[in-house]
Protein backbone atom coordinates (compact mmCIF):
# COMPACT_ATOMS: atom_id res chain seq x y z
CA MET A 1 -38.70 -220.09 86.22
CA ARG A 2 -40.99 -217.10 86.68
CA ARG A 3 -41.12 -214.54 83.88
CA LEU A 4 -42.62 -211.14 83.33
CA THR A 5 -43.81 -210.90 79.74
CA ILE A 6 -45.51 -207.86 78.23
CA ASP A 7 -47.35 -207.85 74.92
CA PRO A 8 -46.02 -204.87 72.89
CA ALA A 9 -49.48 -204.46 71.36
CA VAL A 10 -50.61 -202.83 74.62
CA PHE A 11 -48.49 -199.81 73.63
CA ASP A 12 -49.94 -199.58 70.10
CA LEU A 13 -52.29 -196.62 70.22
CA SER A 14 -53.90 -197.68 66.93
CA ARG A 15 -55.37 -200.60 68.89
CA ALA A 16 -56.55 -198.49 71.84
CA GLU A 17 -60.18 -197.97 72.70
CA PRO A 18 -61.44 -194.79 70.98
CA GLU A 19 -63.14 -193.76 74.21
CA LEU A 20 -59.78 -193.48 75.99
CA ILE A 21 -58.17 -191.61 73.08
CA ALA A 22 -61.04 -189.10 73.12
CA THR A 23 -60.84 -188.73 76.90
CA ASN A 24 -57.13 -187.98 76.69
CA ALA A 25 -57.70 -185.32 74.03
CA ASP A 26 -60.41 -183.71 76.17
CA ILE A 27 -58.16 -183.66 79.25
CA ILE A 28 -55.26 -182.09 77.33
CA ALA A 29 -57.54 -179.42 75.86
CA MET A 30 -59.14 -178.70 79.22
CA GLN A 31 -55.81 -178.33 80.96
CA LYS A 32 -54.43 -176.08 78.22
CA ALA A 33 -57.32 -173.71 78.88
CA LYS A 34 -56.53 -173.53 82.60
CA PRO A 35 -53.61 -171.75 84.28
CA SER A 36 -50.74 -173.87 85.52
CA PRO A 37 -51.51 -175.01 89.08
CA TRP A 38 -48.09 -173.66 90.09
CA THR A 39 -49.17 -170.08 89.32
CA LEU A 40 -51.95 -170.28 91.92
CA PRO A 41 -51.92 -170.49 95.71
CA ILE A 42 -51.85 -174.11 96.83
CA GLU A 43 -55.06 -173.77 98.84
CA THR A 44 -56.83 -172.42 95.74
CA VAL A 45 -55.90 -175.56 93.82
CA ARG A 46 -56.93 -177.76 96.73
CA GLN A 47 -60.33 -176.10 96.91
CA ALA A 48 -60.82 -176.43 93.17
CA ARG A 49 -60.15 -180.17 93.47
CA ARG A 50 -62.66 -180.47 96.31
CA ASP A 51 -65.25 -178.60 94.24
CA GLY A 52 -64.63 -180.68 91.10
CA ARG A 53 -63.17 -177.69 89.24
CA GLY A 54 -59.74 -179.25 88.84
CA THR A 55 -58.57 -181.90 86.42
CA PHE A 56 -60.63 -184.71 87.89
CA PRO A 57 -64.44 -184.85 87.65
CA ALA A 58 -66.57 -183.82 90.61
CA VAL A 59 -67.70 -186.63 92.90
CA ALA A 60 -70.80 -186.77 95.05
CA PRO A 61 -70.10 -187.16 98.77
CA ASP A 62 -71.12 -190.55 100.09
CA PRO A 63 -73.94 -189.97 102.62
CA ASP A 64 -73.00 -193.09 104.56
CA ALA A 65 -69.29 -192.37 104.88
CA GLU A 66 -68.18 -192.10 108.49
CA THR A 67 -65.58 -189.68 109.76
CA GLY A 68 -63.22 -190.53 112.56
CA SER A 69 -59.67 -189.88 113.63
CA PHE A 70 -56.67 -191.52 115.18
CA THR A 71 -54.45 -189.65 117.63
CA SER A 72 -50.78 -189.97 116.71
CA ARG A 73 -48.02 -190.46 119.23
CA SER A 74 -47.09 -186.80 118.78
CA GLY A 75 -50.64 -185.82 119.74
CA HIS A 76 -52.07 -184.60 116.44
CA ALA A 77 -55.27 -186.06 115.01
CA ILE A 78 -55.10 -188.05 111.77
CA PRO A 79 -58.57 -187.96 110.13
CA LEU A 80 -60.07 -191.15 108.71
CA ARG A 81 -62.93 -191.56 106.25
CA ILE A 82 -64.60 -194.93 106.68
CA PHE A 83 -66.89 -196.98 104.42
CA ARG A 84 -68.64 -200.12 105.65
CA PRO A 85 -70.10 -202.72 103.30
CA ALA A 86 -73.88 -202.66 103.54
CA GLY A 87 -75.82 -205.80 104.31
CA THR A 88 -72.88 -207.98 105.25
CA GLU A 89 -70.50 -208.57 108.12
CA PRO A 90 -67.14 -207.08 107.14
CA ARG A 91 -64.29 -209.54 106.60
CA GLY A 92 -61.42 -207.16 107.27
CA THR A 93 -60.12 -203.71 106.39
CA TYR A 94 -58.65 -202.05 103.33
CA LEU A 95 -56.35 -199.15 104.29
CA HIS A 96 -56.37 -196.47 101.59
CA PHE A 97 -54.02 -193.56 100.95
CA HIS A 98 -55.25 -190.97 98.45
CA GLY A 99 -53.26 -189.44 95.60
CA GLY A 100 -52.42 -185.82 94.90
CA GLY A 101 -48.64 -185.60 94.73
CA TRP A 102 -48.26 -185.39 98.53
CA VAL A 103 -49.50 -181.78 98.14
CA PHE A 104 -53.12 -182.02 96.99
CA GLY A 105 -55.98 -184.44 97.49
CA ALA A 106 -58.24 -185.64 100.28
CA ALA A 107 -59.96 -188.87 101.22
CA ALA A 108 -63.40 -187.43 100.35
CA GLU A 109 -62.37 -186.96 96.71
CA PHE A 110 -62.46 -190.75 96.29
CA ASP A 111 -65.88 -191.51 97.80
CA PRO A 112 -67.48 -193.37 94.85
CA PHE A 113 -64.43 -195.59 94.29
CA LEU A 114 -64.07 -196.39 97.99
CA ARG A 115 -67.80 -197.09 98.45
CA ARG A 116 -67.73 -199.49 95.52
CA LEU A 117 -64.57 -201.15 96.86
CA ALA A 118 -66.21 -201.74 100.23
CA GLN A 119 -69.32 -203.26 98.65
CA GLN A 120 -67.47 -205.47 96.18
CA THR A 121 -64.83 -206.79 98.57
CA GLY A 122 -66.76 -207.00 101.84
CA LEU A 123 -64.03 -205.03 103.58
CA VAL A 124 -64.31 -201.89 105.64
CA VAL A 125 -62.40 -199.20 103.77
CA ALA A 126 -60.53 -196.62 105.86
CA SER A 127 -58.96 -193.72 103.95
CA VAL A 128 -56.31 -191.65 105.69
CA ASP A 129 -56.14 -187.86 105.44
CA TYR A 130 -52.41 -187.72 106.09
CA ARG A 131 -50.62 -184.38 106.45
CA LEU A 132 -49.75 -182.65 103.18
CA ALA A 133 -46.68 -180.79 101.97
CA PRO A 134 -45.35 -178.14 101.85
CA GLU A 135 -46.85 -177.26 105.24
CA HIS A 136 -45.88 -180.73 106.44
CA PRO A 137 -43.00 -182.03 104.28
CA PHE A 138 -41.36 -185.44 104.42
CA PRO A 139 -41.51 -187.42 106.64
CA ALA A 140 -44.84 -186.12 108.03
CA GLY A 141 -47.15 -187.81 105.51
CA PRO A 142 -45.38 -191.19 105.62
CA ASP A 143 -45.26 -190.97 109.42
CA ASP A 144 -49.05 -190.55 109.56
CA CYS A 145 -49.57 -193.50 107.23
CA GLU A 146 -47.21 -195.68 109.27
CA GLU A 147 -48.91 -194.75 112.55
CA VAL A 148 -52.40 -195.60 111.29
CA ALA A 149 -51.22 -198.86 109.69
CA LEU A 150 -49.43 -199.92 112.86
CA ALA A 151 -52.46 -199.10 115.01
CA LEU A 152 -54.74 -200.97 112.61
CA ALA A 153 -52.53 -204.05 112.57
CA SER A 154 -52.40 -203.95 116.38
CA GLY A 155 -56.21 -203.84 116.65
CA LEU A 156 -56.15 -200.39 118.22
CA ILE A 157 -58.68 -198.65 115.95
CA PRO A 158 -62.21 -199.52 117.08
CA GLY A 159 -64.56 -200.62 114.34
CA LEU A 160 -61.85 -201.66 111.89
CA PRO A 161 -61.71 -205.48 111.74
CA THR A 162 -58.31 -207.13 111.34
CA GLY A 163 -59.20 -210.62 110.11
CA PHE A 164 -57.80 -209.70 106.69
CA LEU A 165 -55.90 -206.54 105.87
CA ALA A 166 -55.22 -204.98 102.48
CA ILE A 167 -53.49 -201.71 101.65
CA GLY A 168 -53.35 -199.47 98.61
CA GLY A 169 -53.73 -196.17 96.87
CA GLU A 170 -53.21 -194.32 93.64
CA SER A 171 -50.29 -192.13 92.54
CA ALA A 172 -48.71 -190.66 95.69
CA GLY A 173 -50.99 -192.99 97.65
CA ALA A 174 -49.37 -196.03 96.03
CA HIS A 175 -45.95 -194.63 96.95
CA LEU A 176 -47.09 -194.15 100.56
CA SER A 177 -48.50 -197.68 100.62
CA VAL A 178 -45.15 -199.21 99.71
CA LEU A 179 -43.25 -197.00 102.16
CA THR A 180 -45.70 -198.08 104.86
CA LEU A 181 -45.19 -201.77 104.13
CA ILE A 182 -41.42 -201.34 104.27
CA ARG A 183 -41.56 -199.35 107.50
CA LEU A 184 -43.78 -201.95 109.19
CA ARG A 185 -41.35 -204.68 108.14
CA ASP A 186 -38.13 -202.87 109.06
CA ARG A 187 -39.17 -200.85 112.13
CA HIS A 188 -41.70 -203.19 113.71
CA GLY A 189 -41.01 -206.66 112.29
CA LEU A 190 -44.56 -206.83 110.96
CA ALA A 191 -46.10 -208.05 107.70
CA PRO A 192 -49.83 -207.77 108.50
CA PHE A 193 -51.19 -206.96 105.04
CA GLY A 194 -52.30 -209.73 102.71
CA ALA A 195 -52.64 -207.64 99.56
CA ALA A 196 -51.38 -204.38 98.08
CA ASN A 197 -53.31 -202.48 95.41
CA LEU A 198 -50.81 -200.12 93.73
CA ASN A 199 -52.36 -197.91 91.06
CA ALA A 200 -50.13 -195.60 88.97
CA GLY A 201 -47.61 -195.06 91.73
CA CYS A 202 -44.56 -192.80 91.85
CA TYR A 203 -41.74 -194.92 93.28
CA ASP A 204 -38.62 -192.99 92.19
CA LEU A 205 -38.72 -189.34 93.22
CA SER A 206 -35.53 -188.64 91.25
CA MET A 207 -37.76 -189.27 88.18
CA THR A 208 -37.73 -192.33 85.95
CA PRO A 209 -37.02 -191.92 82.20
CA SER A 210 -40.69 -191.79 81.25
CA VAL A 211 -41.21 -188.85 83.63
CA ARG A 212 -38.08 -186.98 82.53
CA SER A 213 -38.83 -187.38 78.83
CA TRP A 214 -42.57 -186.60 78.97
CA GLY A 215 -42.26 -182.86 78.47
CA GLU A 216 -44.73 -179.98 78.76
CA GLU A 217 -47.97 -181.57 77.56
CA ARG A 218 -50.18 -181.95 80.60
CA LEU A 219 -52.23 -185.15 80.38
CA VAL A 220 -53.29 -184.94 84.04
CA LEU A 221 -49.58 -184.48 84.86
CA ASN A 222 -46.42 -183.42 83.07
CA THR A 223 -42.71 -183.42 83.88
CA GLU A 224 -42.86 -180.07 85.65
CA ASP A 225 -45.69 -181.26 87.91
CA ILE A 226 -43.68 -184.19 89.24
CA GLY A 227 -40.71 -181.91 89.88
CA GLN A 228 -42.89 -179.39 91.70
CA PHE A 229 -44.46 -182.09 93.84
CA VAL A 230 -41.08 -183.51 94.83
CA GLN A 231 -39.68 -180.05 95.58
CA ARG A 232 -42.48 -179.42 98.09
CA PHE A 233 -42.48 -182.91 99.56
CA LEU A 234 -38.70 -183.10 100.03
CA LYS A 235 -38.48 -179.59 101.38
CA ASN A 236 -35.50 -180.27 103.64
CA GLY A 237 -33.09 -181.49 101.01
CA GLU A 238 -33.59 -185.25 101.32
CA ASP A 239 -31.91 -187.42 98.70
CA PRO A 240 -34.69 -188.42 96.25
CA ARG A 241 -32.85 -191.70 95.61
CA SER A 242 -32.73 -192.61 99.27
CA ALA A 243 -34.54 -195.85 99.98
CA ALA A 244 -36.38 -194.05 102.77
CA VAL A 245 -37.86 -191.69 100.18
CA SER A 246 -38.06 -193.70 96.95
CA PRO A 247 -39.08 -197.33 97.52
CA LEU A 248 -37.75 -198.37 94.12
CA TYR A 249 -34.32 -198.37 95.80
CA ALA A 250 -35.40 -200.26 98.91
CA GLY A 251 -35.19 -203.95 99.69
CA LEU A 252 -38.57 -205.47 98.89
CA LYS A 253 -38.40 -208.99 100.31
CA GLY A 254 -41.30 -210.17 102.40
CA LEU A 255 -43.91 -207.78 101.04
CA PRO A 256 -47.43 -208.95 100.15
CA PRO A 257 -48.75 -209.92 96.73
CA ALA A 258 -49.47 -206.75 94.77
CA LEU A 259 -51.53 -205.69 91.80
CA PHE A 260 -49.75 -202.99 89.80
CA THR A 261 -52.06 -201.04 87.49
CA VAL A 262 -51.10 -198.28 85.05
CA GLY A 263 -52.15 -196.80 81.72
CA THR A 264 -49.69 -196.68 78.86
CA CYS A 265 -50.27 -192.92 78.43
CA ASP A 266 -49.30 -192.26 82.04
CA LEU A 267 -45.96 -190.47 82.41
CA LEU A 268 -45.35 -192.62 85.51
CA ILE A 269 -45.44 -195.87 83.54
CA ASP A 270 -41.74 -196.60 84.09
CA ASP A 271 -42.28 -196.34 87.85
CA THR A 272 -44.81 -199.17 87.67
CA LEU A 273 -42.81 -201.32 85.24
CA PHE A 274 -39.59 -200.95 87.23
CA MET A 275 -41.23 -201.54 90.60
CA ALA A 276 -43.27 -204.51 89.38
CA GLN A 277 -40.08 -206.20 88.15
CA ARG A 278 -38.28 -205.53 91.44
CA TRP A 279 -41.32 -206.78 93.40
CA LEU A 280 -41.21 -210.03 91.46
CA ALA A 281 -37.42 -210.37 91.74
CA ALA A 282 -37.74 -210.04 95.52
CA GLY A 283 -39.89 -213.18 95.55
CA ASN A 284 -43.23 -211.49 96.13
CA GLY A 285 -46.50 -212.29 94.37
CA MET A 286 -47.17 -209.79 91.59
CA GLU A 287 -49.80 -209.06 88.98
CA LEU A 288 -49.34 -206.35 86.36
CA SER A 289 -52.25 -204.76 84.51
CA LEU A 290 -51.45 -202.39 81.63
CA HIS A 291 -54.21 -200.42 79.90
CA ASN A 292 -53.60 -199.17 76.39
CA ALA A 293 -54.00 -195.35 76.21
CA GLY A 294 -54.96 -195.02 79.86
CA CYS A 295 -53.89 -191.67 81.30
CA HIS A 296 -52.76 -191.11 84.88
CA VAL A 297 -55.39 -192.65 87.21
CA PHE A 298 -57.69 -193.13 84.21
CA GLN A 299 -60.25 -194.84 86.45
CA ALA A 300 -61.28 -191.41 87.70
CA PHE A 301 -62.72 -190.51 84.29
CA PRO A 302 -65.87 -192.16 82.91
CA SER A 303 -64.97 -195.05 80.59
CA ALA A 304 -65.62 -198.74 80.10
CA ALA A 305 -61.90 -199.36 80.62
CA GLY A 306 -62.05 -197.62 83.99
CA VAL A 307 -64.98 -199.76 85.10
CA ARG A 308 -63.15 -202.93 84.03
CA SER A 309 -60.02 -201.82 85.88
CA MET A 310 -61.96 -201.19 89.09
CA ALA A 311 -63.56 -204.62 88.78
CA GLU A 312 -60.10 -206.13 88.33
CA ILE A 313 -58.86 -204.45 91.50
CA GLU A 314 -61.84 -205.74 93.44
CA THR A 315 -61.35 -209.26 92.06
CA PHE A 316 -57.68 -209.21 93.04
CA ILE A 317 -58.54 -208.27 96.63
CA ARG A 318 -61.29 -210.89 96.86
CA HIS A 319 -58.92 -213.56 95.54
CA ARG A 320 -56.25 -212.55 98.01
CA TYR A 321 -58.78 -212.80 100.82
CA ALA A 322 -59.80 -216.27 99.68
CA GLU A 323 -56.19 -217.42 99.29
CA THR A 324 -55.23 -216.05 102.69
CA VAL A 325 -58.13 -217.75 104.39
CA ALA A 326 -57.25 -220.98 102.62
CA GLY A 327 -53.59 -220.60 103.53
CA GLY A 328 -52.57 -220.10 99.89
CA ALA A 329 -49.00 -219.38 98.87
CA ARG A 330 -47.83 -215.81 98.34
CA THR A 331 -45.61 -216.40 95.33
CA GLY A 332 -46.07 -216.33 91.59
CA ALA A 333 -46.77 -213.70 88.97
CA THR A 334 -49.28 -213.09 86.23
CA VAL A 335 -49.58 -210.39 83.63
CA ASP A 336 -52.79 -208.99 82.23
CA ALA A 337 -51.90 -206.75 79.33
């Protein structure tokens, strides 16, 4: 019998790494000194993120990143940011969807992480600049992600190898990754991805208990932020508990092995815990990695824990590549807490 067991010590902040505790305090203080993002024009907040003047640290653009695009069936261009592993023949492609609450964010904001992922896994990394709300509310963003994933799986995007495919993202990007996997299965009868990297995802847009009870303190995000994101994303009155919107309520059978990662000081922790359990119950391979005192997408802030978490993600993808090549089974579960 397979079991999901979590060590309660991972929630004991007295055992957390002081570096993460200090980082959290710095983020809270920094955000208290800034105006609420919802008092500013959306484009102002987007530009601040691009300039490194938002919550997340500035990142240096990768000089070797390639830019491309895929033309959707409706005729609009979907930009792609592509990273190729240097000095080696790529083994496949990792399809990445960035975070930002479906409203903010861009592929270029993740350059260092995506460059490292390409080098450490030997995969080409292609990050999708899907359409953002509120200008393009649901289902525009998920439609873009589905179109690129379908084209990739069909070998229709030149320069992106298909020998092994992985998918993933952080926050809203993890949500979009799961929706994409479900859409490929249900609309196209396809299961082309051999691994899913799901970091701090939001899987229930009606808000899990940890989101509802978080309150006003903004540690990267607070309860109001999630509500504001959902309001803009579901602009046309969609039911936030619809399986088409919130994958926590969808059937999950036949999806690839997934690594779920989240910090215990992330207001979205219930989303990960609930989804990981449902993933396992559906018969899919699942690994769960909890990080004591980690904030939302804590890997974006300098810390030893963040470096270890990134290495863990890379190891998971490499192992899935090796298991897929060897014809390994896709069942089982482990917990690293």
